[in-house]
Amino acid sequence: MEKTITLKVNGEPFSFNMTSEAYNAFLDETEPGKKVGPSHNLLMRTVAPENKDALRELLTQPAAAILLMQSLTEHYVPDLNIEVGE
């Protein structure tokens, strides 16, 4: 599934081109205790080229990678209604 998501950060728009492959790579890289690196990688892999330099600068701020990743994946992952069958 491909989806372009634009997040506004401090008034500046950042566009991300999310794909199943990018999201799955993020999940594969995530381990207990390793969240910042995989989040940074996902953001840099999917950001539009014209936003790359501004994103790189933004990611120097504490927790920016985690906060952006959470917002990005929240808008990417479908809302599924899952119930346990009996």
C-alpha atoms as a PDB file:
ATOM      1  CA  MET A   1       0.000   0.000   0.000  1.00  0.00           C
ATOM      2  CA  GLU A   2       1.396   3.365  -1.025  1.00  0.00           C
ATOM      3  CA  LYS A   3       0.238   6.558   0.624  1.00  0.00           C
ATOM      4  CA  THR A   4       1.557  10.118   0.619  1.00  0.00           C
ATOM      5  CA  ILE A   5       1.170  11.755   4.021  1.00  0.00           C
ATOM      6  CA  THR A   6       1.909  15.402   4.751  1.00  0.00           C
ATOM      7  CA  LEU A   7       2.693  16.390   8.319  1.00  0.00           C
ATOM      8  CA  LYS A   8       2.932  20.046   9.343  1.00  0.00           C
ATOM      9  CA  VAL A   9       5.702  20.594  11.875  1.00  0.00           C
ATOM     10  CA  ASN A  10       5.930  24.070  13.382  1.00  0.00           C
ATOM     11  CA  GLY A  11       3.970  25.318  10.366  1.00  0.00           C
ATOM     12  CA  GLU A  12       6.272  23.715   7.783  1.00  0.00           C
ATOM     13  CA  PRO A  13       4.858  20.873   5.630  1.00  0.00           C
ATOM     14  CA  PHE A  14       6.808  17.638   5.248  1.00  0.00           C
ATOM     15  CA  SER A  15       5.594  15.061   2.727  1.00  0.00           C
ATOM     16  CA  PHE A  16       6.321  11.371   3.202  1.00  0.00           C
ATOM     17  CA  ASN A  17       5.816   8.657   0.588  1.00  0.00           C
ATOM     18  CA  MET A  18       4.950   5.649   2.710  1.00  0.00           C
ATOM     19  CA  THR A  19       5.003   2.139   1.304  1.00  0.00           C
ATOM     20  CA  SER A  20       4.480  -1.291   2.789  1.00  0.00           C
ATOM     21  CA  GLU A  21       8.145  -2.038   2.122  1.00  0.00           C
ATOM     22  CA  ALA A  22       9.335   1.042   4.060  1.00  0.00           C
ATOM     23  CA  TYR A  23       6.988   0.324   6.949  1.00  0.00           C
ATOM     24  CA  ASN A  24       7.995  -3.350   7.093  1.00  0.00           C
ATOM     25  CA  ALA A  25      11.694  -2.413   7.056  1.00  0.00           C
ATOM     26  CA  PHE A  26      11.016  -0.087  10.002  1.00  0.00           C
ATOM     27  CA  LEU A  27       9.349  -2.911  11.938  1.00  0.00           C
ATOM     28  CA  ASP A  28      12.183  -5.311  11.105  1.00  0.00           C
ATOM     29  CA  GLU A  29      14.781  -2.817  12.397  1.00  0.00           C
ATOM     30  CA  THR A  30      12.915  -2.114  15.643  1.00  0.00           C
ATOM     31  CA  GLU A  31      14.200  -4.021  18.659  1.00  0.00           C
ATOM     32  CA  PRO A  32      13.770  -3.485  22.390  1.00  0.00           C
ATOM     33  CA  GLY A  33      15.849  -0.455  23.266  1.00  0.00           C
ATOM     34  CA  LYS A  34      16.290   0.576  19.610  1.00  0.00           C
ATOM     35  CA  LYS A  35      13.646   3.039  18.537  1.00  0.00           C
ATOM     36  CA  VAL A  36      15.371   6.263  17.528  1.00  0.00           C
ATOM     37  CA  GLY A  37      17.548   4.770  14.767  1.00  0.00           C
ATOM     38  CA  PRO A  38      14.730   2.867  13.031  1.00  0.00           C
ATOM     39  CA  SER A  39      12.443   5.915  13.338  1.00  0.00           C
ATOM     40  CA  HIS A  40      15.112   8.171  11.825  1.00  0.00           C
ATOM     41  CA  ASN A  41      15.681   5.684   8.999  1.00  0.00           C
ATOM     42  CA  LEU A  42      11.951   5.411   8.186  1.00  0.00           C
ATOM     43  CA  LEU A  43      11.563   9.180   8.044  1.00  0.00           C
ATOM     44  CA  MET A  44      14.634   9.723   5.871  1.00  0.00           C
ATOM     45  CA  ARG A  45      13.667   6.853   3.522  1.00  0.00           C
ATOM     46  CA  THR A  46      10.175   8.177   2.913  1.00  0.00           C
ATOM     47  CA  VAL A  47      10.475  11.989   3.042  1.00  0.00           C
ATOM     48  CA  ALA A  48      10.041  13.856  -0.229  1.00  0.00           C
ATOM     49  CA  PRO A  49      13.401  14.932  -1.693  1.00  0.00           C
ATOM     50  CA  GLU A  50      12.549  18.622  -1.364  1.00  0.00           C
ATOM     51  CA  ASN A  51      12.005  18.172   2.407  1.00  0.00           C
ATOM     52  CA  LYS A  52      15.090  16.060   3.119  1.00  0.00           C
ATOM     53  CA  ASP A  53      17.464  18.828   4.273  1.00  0.00           C
ATOM     54  CA  ALA A  54      14.853  20.469   6.526  1.00  0.00           C
ATOM     55  CA  LEU A  55      13.949  17.080   8.015  1.00  0.00           C
ATOM     56  CA  ARG A  56      17.600  16.256   8.672  1.00  0.00           C
ATOM     57  CA  GLU A  57      17.898  19.504  10.644  1.00  0.00           C
ATOM     58  CA  LEU A  58      14.618  18.877  12.500  1.00  0.00           C
ATOM     59  CA  LEU A  59      15.776  15.405  13.536  1.00  0.00           C
ATOM     60  CA  THR A  60      18.623  16.903  15.568  1.00  0.00           C
ATOM     61  CA  GLN A  61      16.049  17.944  18.176  1.00  0.00           C
ATOM     62  CA  PRO A  62      15.401  15.564  21.093  1.00  0.00           C
ATOM     63  CA  ALA A  63      12.575  13.081  20.485  1.00  0.00           C
ATOM     64  CA  ALA A  64      11.741  14.539  17.043  1.00  0.00           C
ATOM     65  CA  ALA A  65      12.269  11.206  15.264  1.00  0.00           C
ATOM     66  CA  ILE A  66      10.003   9.335  17.671  1.00  0.00           C
ATOM     67  CA  LEU A  67       7.246  11.975  17.613  1.00  0.00           C
ATOM     68  CA  LEU A  68       7.243  12.224  13.820  1.00  0.00           C
ATOM     69  CA  MET A  69       7.345   8.442  13.382  1.00  0.00           C
ATOM     70  CA  GLN A  70       4.368   8.027  15.719  1.00  0.00           C
ATOM     71  CA  SER A  71       2.305  10.579  13.825  1.00  0.00           C
ATOM     72  CA  LEU A  72       3.330   9.206  10.430  1.00  0.00           C
ATOM     73  CA  THR A  73       2.548   5.587  11.247  1.00  0.00           C
ATOM     74  CA  GLU A  74      -0.728   6.570  12.943  1.00  0.00           C
ATOM     75  CA  HIS A  75      -1.868   8.037   9.623  1.00  0.00           C
ATOM     76  CA  TYR A  76      -0.483   5.149   7.565  1.00  0.00           C
ATOM     77  CA  VAL A  77      -1.610   2.017   9.391  1.00  0.00           C
ATOM     78  CA  PRO A  78      -5.239   1.147   8.632  1.00  0.00           C
ATOM     79  CA  ASP A  79      -7.795   1.101  11.411  1.00  0.00           C
ATOM     80  CA  LEU A  80      -8.850  -2.544  11.583  1.00  0.00           C
ATOM     81  CA  ASN A  81     -11.716  -3.856  13.661  1.00  0.00           C
ATOM     82  CA  ILE A  82     -10.316  -7.113  15.016  1.00  0.00           C
ATOM     83  CA  GLU A  83     -12.311  -9.458  17.212  1.00  0.00           C
ATOM     84  CA  VAL A  84     -11.416 -12.827  18.660  1.00  0.00           C
ATOM     85  CA  GLY A  85     -13.685 -15.538  17.291  1.00  0.00           C
ATOM     86  CA  GLU A  86     -15.139 -18.220  19.483  1.00  0.00           C
END
